Full PDB file with SEQRES, HELIX, SHEET, SSBOND, CRYST1, ORIGX, SCALE, CONECT and MASTER records, all heavy atoms in Angstrom:
SEQRES   1 A   37  LEU ARG THR LEU ASP GLU ILE MET ALA TRP GLY GLU ALA          
SEQRES   2 A   37  SER ASP GLU GLU ARG LEU ARG ILE LEU GLU ALA VAL ALA          
SEQRES   3 A   37  ARG ARG ARG GLN ALA ARG ASN ALA ARG ASN GLY                  
HELIX    1 AA1 LEU A    4  TRP A   10  1                                   7    
HELIX    2 AA2 ASP A   15  ASN A   36  1                                  22    
CRYST1    1.000    1.000    1.000  90.00  90.00  90.00 P 1           1          
ORIGX1      1.000000  0.000000  0.000000        0.00000                         
ORIGX2      0.000000  1.000000  0.000000        0.00000                         
ORIGX3      0.000000  0.000000  1.000000        0.00000                         
SCALE1      1.000000  0.000000  0.000000        0.00000                         
SCALE2      0.000000  1.000000  0.000000        0.00000                         
SCALE3      0.000000  0.000000  1.000000        0.00000                         
ATOM      1  N   LEU A   1      12.087 -17.066  -7.996  1.00  0.00           N  
ATOM      2  CA  LEU A   1      12.884 -15.904  -7.622  1.00  0.00           C  
ATOM      3  C   LEU A   1      12.613 -15.458  -6.103  1.00  0.00           C  
ATOM      4  O   LEU A   1      12.829 -14.339  -5.725  1.00  0.00           O  
ATOM      5  CB  LEU A   1      12.639 -14.779  -8.541  1.00  0.00           C  
ATOM      6  CG  LEU A   1      13.073 -15.004  -9.934  1.00  0.00           C  
ATOM      7  CD1 LEU A   1      12.800 -13.729 -10.802  1.00  0.00           C  
ATOM      8  CD2 LEU A   1      14.567 -15.321 -10.014  1.00  0.00           C  
ATOM      9  N   ARG A   2      12.172 -16.446  -5.331  1.00  0.00           N  
ATOM     10  CA  ARG A   2      12.001 -16.159  -3.881  1.00  0.00           C  
ATOM     11  C   ARG A   2      13.356 -16.641  -3.208  1.00  0.00           C  
ATOM     12  O   ARG A   2      13.994 -17.694  -3.633  1.00  0.00           O  
ATOM     13  CB  ARG A   2      10.859 -16.871  -3.199  1.00  0.00           C  
ATOM     14  CG  ARG A   2       9.522 -16.334  -3.653  1.00  0.00           C  
ATOM     15  CD  ARG A   2       8.368 -16.970  -2.984  1.00  0.00           C  
ATOM     16  NE  ARG A   2       8.382 -18.426  -3.513  1.00  0.00           N  
ATOM     17  CZ  ARG A   2       7.585 -19.321  -2.895  1.00  0.00           C  
ATOM     18  NH1 ARG A   2       6.773 -19.107  -1.877  1.00  0.00           N  
ATOM     19  NH2 ARG A   2       7.569 -20.531  -3.466  1.00  0.00           N  
ATOM     20  N   THR A   3      13.716 -16.087  -2.089  1.00  0.00           N  
ATOM     21  CA  THR A   3      14.810 -16.503  -1.340  1.00  0.00           C  
ATOM     22  C   THR A   3      14.400 -17.729  -0.490  1.00  0.00           C  
ATOM     23  O   THR A   3      13.210 -17.987  -0.375  1.00  0.00           O  
ATOM     24  CB  THR A   3      15.266 -15.388  -0.326  1.00  0.00           C  
ATOM     25  OG1 THR A   3      14.215 -15.228   0.669  1.00  0.00           O  
ATOM     26  CG2 THR A   3      15.685 -14.132  -0.981  1.00  0.00           C  
ATOM     27  N   LEU A   4      15.375 -18.465   0.028  1.00  0.00           N  
ATOM     28  CA  LEU A   4      14.942 -19.650   0.788  1.00  0.00           C  
ATOM     29  C   LEU A   4      14.179 -19.226   1.970  1.00  0.00           C  
ATOM     30  O   LEU A   4      13.191 -19.901   2.307  1.00  0.00           O  
ATOM     31  CB  LEU A   4      16.250 -20.335   1.281  1.00  0.00           C  
ATOM     32  CG  LEU A   4      16.046 -21.544   2.003  1.00  0.00           C  
ATOM     33  CD1 LEU A   4      15.267 -22.609   1.238  1.00  0.00           C  
ATOM     34  CD2 LEU A   4      17.390 -22.197   2.297  1.00  0.00           C  
ATOM     35  N   ASP A   5      14.442 -18.159   2.555  1.00  0.00           N  
ATOM     36  CA  ASP A   5      13.719 -17.647   3.787  1.00  0.00           C  
ATOM     37  C   ASP A   5      12.286 -17.281   3.379  1.00  0.00           C  
ATOM     38  O   ASP A   5      11.370 -17.557   4.109  1.00  0.00           O  
ATOM     39  CB  ASP A   5      14.406 -16.413   4.435  1.00  0.00           C  
ATOM     40  CG  ASP A   5      15.624 -16.788   5.150  1.00  0.00           C  
ATOM     41  OD1 ASP A   5      15.875 -17.938   5.534  1.00  0.00           O  
ATOM     42  OD2 ASP A   5      16.442 -15.789   5.428  1.00  0.00           O  
ATOM     43  N   GLU A   6      12.050 -16.651   2.190  1.00  0.00           N  
ATOM     44  CA  GLU A   6      10.811 -16.290   1.713  1.00  0.00           C  
ATOM     45  C   GLU A   6      10.033 -17.529   1.479  1.00  0.00           C  
ATOM     46  O   GLU A   6       8.773 -17.619   1.736  1.00  0.00           O  
ATOM     47  CB  GLU A   6      10.901 -15.503   0.518  1.00  0.00           C  
ATOM     48  CG  GLU A   6      11.350 -14.091   0.826  1.00  0.00           C  
ATOM     49  CD  GLU A   6      11.760 -13.267  -0.418  1.00  0.00           C  
ATOM     50  OE1 GLU A   6      11.946 -13.826  -1.547  1.00  0.00           O  
ATOM     51  OE2 GLU A   6      12.031 -12.023  -0.311  1.00  0.00           O  
ATOM     52  N   ILE A   7      10.604 -18.581   0.893  1.00  0.00           N  
ATOM     53  CA  ILE A   7       9.929 -19.797   0.564  1.00  0.00           C  
ATOM     54  C   ILE A   7       9.414 -20.473   1.885  1.00  0.00           C  
ATOM     55  O   ILE A   7       8.289 -20.849   2.004  1.00  0.00           O  
ATOM     56  CB  ILE A   7      10.769 -20.816  -0.235  1.00  0.00           C  
ATOM     57  CG1 ILE A   7      11.108 -20.227  -1.571  1.00  0.00           C  
ATOM     58  CG2 ILE A   7      10.215 -22.199  -0.287  1.00  0.00           C  
ATOM     59  CD1 ILE A   7      12.205 -20.951  -2.383  1.00  0.00           C  
ATOM     60  N   MET A   8      10.318 -20.511   2.882  1.00  0.00           N  
ATOM     61  CA  MET A   8       9.955 -21.187   4.122  1.00  0.00           C  
ATOM     62  C   MET A   8       8.902 -20.316   4.921  1.00  0.00           C  
ATOM     63  O   MET A   8       8.025 -20.944   5.576  1.00  0.00           O  
ATOM     64  CB  MET A   8      11.216 -21.313   4.885  1.00  0.00           C  
ATOM     65  CG  MET A   8      12.189 -22.337   4.320  1.00  0.00           C  
ATOM     66  SD  MET A   8      13.789 -22.554   5.175  1.00  0.00           S  
ATOM     67  CE  MET A   8      13.568 -22.104   6.779  1.00  0.00           C  
ATOM     68  N   ALA A   9       8.878 -19.080   4.763  1.00  0.00           N  
ATOM     69  CA  ALA A   9       7.909 -18.235   5.499  1.00  0.00           C  
ATOM     70  C   ALA A   9       6.554 -18.164   4.846  1.00  0.00           C  
ATOM     71  O   ALA A   9       5.574 -17.871   5.485  1.00  0.00           O  
ATOM     72  CB  ALA A   9       8.458 -16.790   5.585  1.00  0.00           C  
ATOM     73  N   TRP A  10       6.417 -18.557   3.574  1.00  0.00           N  
ATOM     74  CA  TRP A  10       5.185 -18.361   2.787  1.00  0.00           C  
ATOM     75  C   TRP A  10       3.981 -18.915   3.466  1.00  0.00           C  
ATOM     76  O   TRP A  10       2.984 -18.255   3.554  1.00  0.00           O  
ATOM     77  CB  TRP A  10       5.353 -18.882   1.368  1.00  0.00           C  
ATOM     78  CG  TRP A  10       4.192 -18.514   0.525  1.00  0.00           C  
ATOM     79  CD1 TRP A  10       3.102 -19.336   0.283  1.00  0.00           C  
ATOM     80  CD2 TRP A  10       3.948 -17.350  -0.244  1.00  0.00           C  
ATOM     81  NE1 TRP A  10       2.240 -18.694  -0.594  1.00  0.00           N  
ATOM     82  CE2 TRP A  10       2.666 -17.473  -0.822  1.00  0.00           C  
ATOM     83  CE3 TRP A  10       4.673 -16.150  -0.327  1.00  0.00           C  
ATOM     84  CZ2 TRP A  10       2.191 -16.477  -1.665  1.00  0.00           C  
ATOM     85  CZ3 TRP A  10       4.193 -15.093  -1.155  1.00  0.00           C  
ATOM     86  CH2 TRP A  10       2.967 -15.308  -1.773  1.00  0.00           C  
ATOM     87  N   GLY A  11       4.073 -20.129   3.856  1.00  0.00           N  
ATOM     88  CA  GLY A  11       2.913 -20.791   4.529  1.00  0.00           C  
ATOM     89  C   GLY A  11       2.295 -20.140   5.631  1.00  0.00           C  
ATOM     90  O   GLY A  11       1.111 -20.152   5.923  1.00  0.00           O  
ATOM     91  N   GLU A  12       3.118 -19.429   6.466  1.00  0.00           N  
ATOM     92  CA  GLU A  12       2.617 -18.815   7.728  1.00  0.00           C  
ATOM     93  C   GLU A  12       2.516 -17.298   7.582  1.00  0.00           C  
ATOM     94  O   GLU A  12       2.123 -16.626   8.447  1.00  0.00           O  
ATOM     95  CB  GLU A  12       3.622 -19.122   8.800  1.00  0.00           C  
ATOM     96  CG  GLU A  12       3.728 -20.551   9.143  1.00  0.00           C  
ATOM     97  CD  GLU A  12       2.389 -21.204   9.670  1.00  0.00           C  
ATOM     98  OE1 GLU A  12       1.848 -20.506  10.506  1.00  0.00           O  
ATOM     99  OE2 GLU A  12       2.204 -22.398   9.234  1.00  0.00           O  
ATOM    100  N   ALA A  13       2.835 -16.793   6.403  1.00  0.00           N  
ATOM    101  CA  ALA A  13       2.896 -15.311   6.150  1.00  0.00           C  
ATOM    102  C   ALA A  13       1.533 -14.735   6.028  1.00  0.00           C  
ATOM    103  O   ALA A  13       0.578 -15.397   5.480  1.00  0.00           O  
ATOM    104  CB  ALA A  13       3.685 -15.007   4.918  1.00  0.00           C  
ATOM    105  N   SER A  14       1.393 -13.558   6.544  1.00  0.00           N  
ATOM    106  CA  SER A  14       0.118 -12.813   6.413  1.00  0.00           C  
ATOM    107  C   SER A  14       0.066 -12.316   4.918  1.00  0.00           C  
ATOM    108  O   SER A  14       1.000 -12.342   4.148  1.00  0.00           O  
ATOM    109  CB  SER A  14       0.046 -11.662   7.387  1.00  0.00           C  
ATOM    110  OG  SER A  14       1.071 -10.663   6.951  1.00  0.00           O  
ATOM    111  N   ASP A  15      -1.165 -11.790   4.532  1.00  0.00           N  
ATOM    112  CA  ASP A  15      -1.271 -11.299   3.193  1.00  0.00           C  
ATOM    113  C   ASP A  15      -0.375 -10.158   2.908  1.00  0.00           C  
ATOM    114  O   ASP A  15       0.273 -10.009   1.868  1.00  0.00           O  
ATOM    115  CB  ASP A  15      -2.765 -10.764   2.925  1.00  0.00           C  
ATOM    116  CG  ASP A  15      -3.678 -11.976   2.785  1.00  0.00           C  
ATOM    117  OD1 ASP A  15      -3.234 -13.132   2.547  1.00  0.00           O  
ATOM    118  OD2 ASP A  15      -4.918 -11.737   2.738  1.00  0.00           O  
ATOM    119  N   GLU A  16      -0.198  -9.318   4.000  1.00  0.00           N  
ATOM    120  CA  GLU A  16       0.821  -8.235   3.848  1.00  0.00           C  
ATOM    121  C   GLU A  16       2.197  -8.633   3.602  1.00  0.00           C  
ATOM    122  O   GLU A  16       2.900  -8.184   2.839  1.00  0.00           O  
ATOM    123  CB  GLU A  16       0.744  -7.345   5.167  1.00  0.00           C  
ATOM    124  CG  GLU A  16       1.545  -6.119   5.056  1.00  0.00           C  
ATOM    125  CD  GLU A  16       1.412  -5.189   6.250  1.00  0.00           C  
ATOM    126  OE1 GLU A  16       0.161  -5.038   6.716  1.00  0.00           O  
ATOM    127  OE2 GLU A  16       2.393  -4.773   6.875  1.00  0.00           O  
ATOM    128  N   GLU A  17       2.622  -9.652   4.410  1.00  0.00           N  
ATOM    129  CA  GLU A  17       3.983 -10.293   4.213  1.00  0.00           C  
ATOM    130  C   GLU A  17       4.130 -10.929   2.860  1.00  0.00           C  
ATOM    131  O   GLU A  17       5.108 -10.693   2.225  1.00  0.00           O  
ATOM    132  CB  GLU A  17       4.314 -11.266   5.313  1.00  0.00           C  
ATOM    133  CG  GLU A  17       4.421 -10.663   6.615  1.00  0.00           C  
ATOM    134  CD  GLU A  17       4.338 -11.674   7.816  1.00  0.00           C  
ATOM    135  OE1 GLU A  17       3.616 -12.649   7.726  1.00  0.00           O  
ATOM    136  OE2 GLU A  17       5.072 -11.470   8.802  1.00  0.00           O  
ATOM    137  N   ARG A  18       3.043 -11.533   2.364  1.00  0.00           N  
ATOM    138  CA  ARG A  18       3.108 -12.178   1.024  1.00  0.00           C  
ATOM    139  C   ARG A  18       3.294 -11.125  -0.009  1.00  0.00           C  
ATOM    140  O   ARG A  18       3.965 -11.343  -1.017  1.00  0.00           O  
ATOM    141  CB  ARG A  18       1.915 -13.033   0.844  1.00  0.00           C  
ATOM    142  CG  ARG A  18       1.891 -14.329   1.629  1.00  0.00           C  
ATOM    143  CD  ARG A  18       0.674 -15.106   1.539  1.00  0.00           C  
ATOM    144  NE  ARG A  18       0.821 -16.437   2.209  1.00  0.00           N  
ATOM    145  CZ  ARG A  18      -0.030 -17.399   2.153  1.00  0.00           C  
ATOM    146  NH1 ARG A  18      -1.033 -17.384   1.244  1.00  0.00           N  
ATOM    147  NH2 ARG A  18       0.178 -18.492   2.819  1.00  0.00           N  
ATOM    148  N   LEU A  19       2.501  -9.946   0.138  1.00  0.00           N  
ATOM    149  CA  LEU A  19       2.627  -8.970  -0.888  1.00  0.00           C  
ATOM    150  C   LEU A  19       4.120  -8.421  -0.923  1.00  0.00           C  
ATOM    151  O   LEU A  19       4.629  -8.039  -1.993  1.00  0.00           O  
ATOM    152  CB  LEU A  19       1.676  -7.802  -0.532  1.00  0.00           C  
ATOM    153  CG  LEU A  19       0.171  -8.109  -0.881  1.00  0.00           C  
ATOM    154  CD1 LEU A  19      -0.685  -7.021  -0.417  1.00  0.00           C  
ATOM    155  CD2 LEU A  19       0.108  -8.316  -2.420  1.00  0.00           C  
ATOM    156  N   ARG A  20       4.705  -8.232   0.223  1.00  0.00           N  
ATOM    157  CA  ARG A  20       6.126  -7.802   0.323  1.00  0.00           C  
ATOM    158  C   ARG A  20       7.008  -8.710  -0.414  1.00  0.00           C  
ATOM    159  O   ARG A  20       7.973  -8.388  -1.117  1.00  0.00           O  
ATOM    160  CB  ARG A  20       6.570  -7.564   1.731  1.00  0.00           C  
ATOM    161  CG  ARG A  20       6.190  -6.190   2.259  1.00  0.00           C  
ATOM    162  CD  ARG A  20       6.772  -6.005   3.610  1.00  0.00           C  
ATOM    163  NE  ARG A  20       6.178  -6.968   4.512  1.00  0.00           N  
ATOM    164  CZ  ARG A  20       5.713  -6.639   5.745  1.00  0.00           C  
ATOM    165  NH1 ARG A  20       6.121  -5.585   6.299  1.00  0.00           N  
ATOM    166  NH2 ARG A  20       5.113  -7.529   6.495  1.00  0.00           N  
ATOM    167  N   ILE A  21       6.711 -10.121  -0.210  1.00  0.00           N  
ATOM    168  CA  ILE A  21       7.587 -11.092  -0.907  1.00  0.00           C  
ATOM    169  C   ILE A  21       7.333 -10.961  -2.358  1.00  0.00           C  
ATOM    170  O   ILE A  21       8.310 -11.060  -3.139  1.00  0.00           O  
ATOM    171  CB  ILE A  21       7.215 -12.480  -0.432  1.00  0.00           C  
ATOM    172  CG1 ILE A  21       7.673 -12.747   1.051  1.00  0.00           C  
ATOM    173  CG2 ILE A  21       7.824 -13.615  -1.237  1.00  0.00           C  
ATOM    174  CD1 ILE A  21       7.147 -14.008   1.773  1.00  0.00           C  
ATOM    175  N   LEU A  22       6.070 -10.874  -2.846  1.00  0.00           N  
ATOM    176  CA  LEU A  22       5.815 -10.745  -4.266  1.00  0.00           C  
ATOM    177  C   LEU A  22       6.432  -9.517  -4.835  1.00  0.00           C  
ATOM    178  O   LEU A  22       6.864  -9.522  -6.020  1.00  0.00           O  
ATOM    179  CB  LEU A  22       4.309 -10.734  -4.515  1.00  0.00           C  
ATOM    180  CG  LEU A  22       3.541 -12.067  -4.276  1.00  0.00           C  
ATOM    181  CD1 LEU A  22       2.105 -11.897  -4.391  1.00  0.00           C  
ATOM    182  CD2 LEU A  22       4.173 -13.261  -5.066  1.00  0.00           C  
ATOM    183  N   GLU A  23       6.486  -8.373  -4.171  1.00  0.00           N  
ATOM    184  CA  GLU A  23       7.155  -7.183  -4.598  1.00  0.00           C  
ATOM    185  C   GLU A  23       8.608  -7.385  -4.743  1.00  0.00           C  
ATOM    186  O   GLU A  23       9.246  -6.954  -5.717  1.00  0.00           O  
ATOM    187  CB  GLU A  23       6.826  -6.025  -3.689  1.00  0.00           C  
ATOM    188  CG  GLU A  23       5.373  -5.554  -3.724  1.00  0.00           C  
ATOM    189  CD  GLU A  23       5.094  -4.593  -2.521  1.00  0.00           C  
ATOM    190  OE1 GLU A  23       5.874  -4.350  -1.660  1.00  0.00           O  
ATOM    191  OE2 GLU A  23       3.952  -4.074  -2.601  1.00  0.00           O  
ATOM    192  N   ALA A  24       9.287  -8.087  -3.792  1.00  0.00           N  
ATOM    193  CA  ALA A  24      10.600  -8.397  -3.917  1.00  0.00           C  
ATOM    194  C   ALA A  24      10.914  -9.326  -5.183  1.00  0.00           C  
ATOM    195  O   ALA A  24      11.959  -9.115  -5.796  1.00  0.00           O  
ATOM    196  CB  ALA A  24      11.098  -9.093  -2.638  1.00  0.00           C  
ATOM    197  N   VAL A  25      10.075 -10.278  -5.342  1.00  0.00           N  
ATOM    198  CA  VAL A  25      10.142 -11.174  -6.496  1.00  0.00           C  
ATOM    199  C   VAL A  25      10.145 -10.244  -7.833  1.00  0.00           C  
ATOM    200  O   VAL A  25      10.885 -10.506  -8.775  1.00  0.00           O  
ATOM    201  CB  VAL A  25       9.018 -12.175  -6.514  1.00  0.00           C  
ATOM    202  CG1 VAL A  25       8.979 -12.958  -7.825  1.00  0.00           C  
ATOM    203  CG2 VAL A  25       9.380 -13.273  -5.301  1.00  0.00           C  
ATOM    204  N   ALA A  26       9.202  -9.351  -7.836  1.00  0.00           N  
ATOM    205  CA  ALA A  26       9.095  -8.513  -9.067  1.00  0.00           C  
ATOM    206  C   ALA A  26      10.278  -7.776  -9.398  1.00  0.00           C  
ATOM    207  O   ALA A  26      10.794  -7.636 -10.422  1.00  0.00           O  
ATOM    208  CB  ALA A  26       7.872  -7.666  -8.908  1.00  0.00           C  
ATOM    209  N   ARG A  27      10.919  -7.274  -8.217  1.00  0.00           N  
ATOM    210  CA  ARG A  27      12.262  -6.496  -8.376  1.00  0.00           C  
ATOM    211  C   ARG A  27      13.284  -7.407  -8.841  1.00  0.00           C  
ATOM    212  O   ARG A  27      14.110  -6.977  -9.804  1.00  0.00           O  
ATOM    213  CB  ARG A  27      12.660  -5.804  -7.024  1.00  0.00           C  
ATOM    214  CG  ARG A  27      11.773  -4.619  -6.626  1.00  0.00           C  
ATOM    215  CD  ARG A  27      12.314  -3.882  -5.482  1.00  0.00           C  
ATOM    216  NE  ARG A  27      12.543  -4.720  -4.293  1.00  0.00           N  
ATOM    217  CZ  ARG A  27      11.633  -4.909  -3.345  1.00  0.00           C  
ATOM    218  NH1 ARG A  27      10.374  -4.331  -3.527  1.00  0.00           N  
ATOM    219  NH2 ARG A  27      11.860  -5.633  -2.270  1.00  0.00           N  
ATOM    220  N   ARG A  28      13.350  -8.622  -8.327  1.00  0.00           N  
ATOM    221  CA  ARG A  28      14.450  -9.527  -8.814  1.00  0.00           C  
ATOM    222  C   ARG A  28      14.183  -9.934 -10.254  1.00  0.00           C  
ATOM    223  O   ARG A  28      15.123 -10.005 -11.038  1.00  0.00           O  
ATOM    224  CB  ARG A  28      14.342 -10.798  -7.901  1.00  0.00           C  
ATOM    225  CG  ARG A  28      14.931 -10.595  -6.569  1.00  0.00           C  
ATOM    226  CD  ARG A  28      14.882 -11.854  -5.778  1.00  0.00           C  
ATOM    227  NE  ARG A  28      15.035 -11.498  -4.364  1.00  0.00           N  
ATOM    228  CZ  ARG A  28      14.011 -11.716  -3.462  1.00  0.00           C  
ATOM    229  NH1 ARG A  28      12.942 -12.477  -3.800  1.00  0.00           N  
ATOM    230  NH2 ARG A  28      14.238 -11.347  -2.222  1.00  0.00           N  
ATOM    231  N   ARG A  29      12.933 -10.137 -10.650  1.00  0.00           N  
ATOM    232  CA  ARG A  29      12.635 -10.493 -12.090  1.00  0.00           C  
ATOM    233  C   ARG A  29      13.046  -9.321 -12.945  1.00  0.00           C  
ATOM    234  O   ARG A  29      13.617  -9.529 -13.998  1.00  0.00           O  
ATOM    235  CB  ARG A  29      11.107 -10.787 -12.176  1.00  0.00           C  
ATOM    236  CG  ARG A  29      10.807 -11.237 -13.639  1.00  0.00           C  
ATOM    237  CD  ARG A  29       9.353 -11.738 -13.653  1.00  0.00           C  
ATOM    238  NE  ARG A  29       9.338 -13.046 -13.117  1.00  0.00           N  
ATOM    239  CZ  ARG A  29       8.650 -13.366 -11.971  1.00  0.00           C  
ATOM    240  NH1 ARG A  29       7.995 -12.506 -11.333  1.00  0.00           N  
ATOM    241  NH2 ARG A  29       8.706 -14.707 -11.488  1.00  0.00           N  
ATOM    242  N   GLN A  30      12.713  -8.088 -12.558  1.00  0.00           N  
ATOM    243  CA  GLN A  30      13.135  -6.892 -13.403  1.00  0.00           C  
ATOM    244  C   GLN A  30      14.569  -6.808 -13.537  1.00  0.00           C  
ATOM    245  O   GLN A  30      15.112  -6.521 -14.611  1.00  0.00           O  
ATOM    246  CB  GLN A  30      12.472  -5.703 -12.736  1.00  0.00           C  
ATOM    247  CG  GLN A  30      12.587  -4.573 -13.620  1.00  0.00           C  
ATOM    248  CD  GLN A  30      11.761  -3.333 -13.004  1.00  0.00           C  
ATOM    249  OE1 GLN A  30      11.824  -3.189 -11.815  1.00  0.00           O  
ATOM    250  NE2 GLN A  30      11.148  -2.474 -13.795  1.00  0.00           N  
ATOM    251  N   ALA A  31      15.369  -6.990 -12.350  1.00  0.00           N  
ATOM    252  CA  ALA A  31      16.770  -7.037 -12.431  1.00  0.00           C  
ATOM    253  C   ALA A  31      17.325  -8.101 -13.356  1.00  0.00           C  
ATOM    254  O   ALA A  31      18.252  -7.838 -14.094  1.00  0.00           O  
ATOM    255  CB  ALA A  31      17.364  -7.098 -11.054  1.00  0.00           C  
ATOM    256  N   ARG A  32      16.785  -9.309 -13.300  1.00  0.00           N  
ATOM    257  CA  ARG A  32      17.274 -10.432 -14.039  1.00  0.00           C  
ATOM    258  C   ARG A  32      16.938 -10.162 -15.523  1.00  0.00           C  
ATOM    259  O   ARG A  32      17.872 -10.363 -16.491  1.00  0.00           O  
ATOM    260  CB  ARG A  32      16.543 -11.665 -13.649  1.00  0.00           C  
ATOM    261  CG  ARG A  32      17.089 -12.906 -14.507  1.00  0.00           C  
ATOM    262  CD  ARG A  32      16.297 -14.179 -14.077  1.00  0.00           C  
ATOM    263  NE  ARG A  32      14.947 -14.177 -14.532  1.00  0.00           N  
ATOM    264  CZ  ARG A  32      14.067 -15.089 -14.246  1.00  0.00           C  
ATOM    265  NH1 ARG A  32      14.416 -16.146 -13.673  1.00  0.00           N  
ATOM    266  NH2 ARG A  32      12.853 -14.949 -14.647  1.00  0.00           N  
ATOM    267  N   ASN A  33      15.846  -9.620 -15.826  1.00  0.00           N  
ATOM    268  CA  ASN A  33      15.506  -9.322 -17.217  1.00  0.00           C  
ATOM    269  C   ASN A  33      16.389  -8.171 -17.781  1.00  0.00           C  
ATOM    270  O   ASN A  33      16.793  -8.218 -18.968  1.00  0.00           O  
ATOM    271  CB  ASN A  33      14.002  -8.815 -17.338  1.00  0.00           C  
ATOM    272  CG  ASN A  33      13.087 -10.013 -17.118  1.00  0.00           C  
ATOM    273  OD1 ASN A  33      13.487 -11.182 -17.146  1.00  0.00           O  
ATOM    274  ND2 ASN A  33      11.838  -9.730 -16.870  1.00  0.00           N  
ATOM    275  N   ALA A  34      16.788  -7.281 -16.959  1.00  0.00           N  
ATOM    276  CA  ALA A  34      17.637  -6.123 -17.417  1.00  0.00           C  
ATOM    277  C   ALA A  34      19.091  -6.712 -17.733  1.00  0.00           C  
ATOM    278  O   ALA A  34      19.661  -6.294 -18.676  1.00  0.00           O  
ATOM    279  CB  ALA A  34      17.737  -5.075 -16.329  1.00  0.00           C  
ATOM    280  N   ARG A  35      19.488  -7.674 -16.819  1.00  0.00           N  
ATOM    281  CA  ARG A  35      20.807  -8.322 -17.114  1.00  0.00           C  
ATOM    282  C   ARG A  35      20.853  -9.071 -18.344  1.00  0.00           C  
ATOM    283  O   ARG A  35      21.754  -9.121 -19.162  1.00  0.00           O  
ATOM    284  CB  ARG A  35      21.206  -9.159 -15.902  1.00  0.00           C  
ATOM    285  CG  ARG A  35      21.774  -8.512 -14.745  1.00  0.00           C  
ATOM    286  CD  ARG A  35      22.305  -9.354 -13.692  1.00  0.00           C  
ATOM    287  NE  ARG A  35      21.509 -10.486 -13.387  1.00  0.00           N  
ATOM    288  CZ  ARG A  35      20.603 -10.589 -12.328  1.00  0.00           C  
ATOM    289  NH1 ARG A  35      20.394  -9.504 -11.560  1.00  0.00           N  
ATOM    290  NH2 ARG A  35      19.880 -11.610 -12.057  1.00  0.00           N  
ATOM    291  N   ASN A  36      19.728  -9.815 -18.633  1.00  0.00           N  
ATOM    292  CA  ASN A  36      19.611 -10.688 -19.844  1.00  0.00           C  
ATOM    293  C   ASN A  36      19.139 -10.097 -21.061  1.00  0.00           C  
ATOM    294  O   ASN A  36      19.209 -10.595 -22.065  1.00  0.00           O  
ATOM    295  CB  ASN A  36      18.695 -11.894 -19.456  1.00  0.00           C  
ATOM    296  CG  ASN A  36      19.240 -12.752 -18.336  1.00  0.00           C  
ATOM    297  OD1 ASN A  36      20.536 -12.807 -18.058  1.00  0.00           O  
ATOM    298  ND2 ASN A  36      18.381 -13.328 -17.604  1.00  0.00           N  
ATOM    299  N   GLY A  37      18.692  -8.775 -20.894  1.00  0.00           N  
ATOM    300  CA  GLY A  37      18.235  -7.914 -21.907  1.00  0.00           C  
ATOM    301  C   GLY A  37      18.040  -8.352 -23.205  1.00  0.00           C  
ATOM    302  O   GLY A  37      17.836  -8.201 -24.258  1.00  0.00           O  
TER     303      GLY A  37                                                      
MASTER        0    0    0    2    0    0    0    6  302    1    0    3          
END                                                                             
């Protein structure tokens, strides 16, 4: 559930940036689960 940009950035991302990516992933997962309920 990462965007292509997030996947490409992961290797060079700081811990803070990685945490933001993981938070975005959690939001996407929650939205997907709500849709698939």
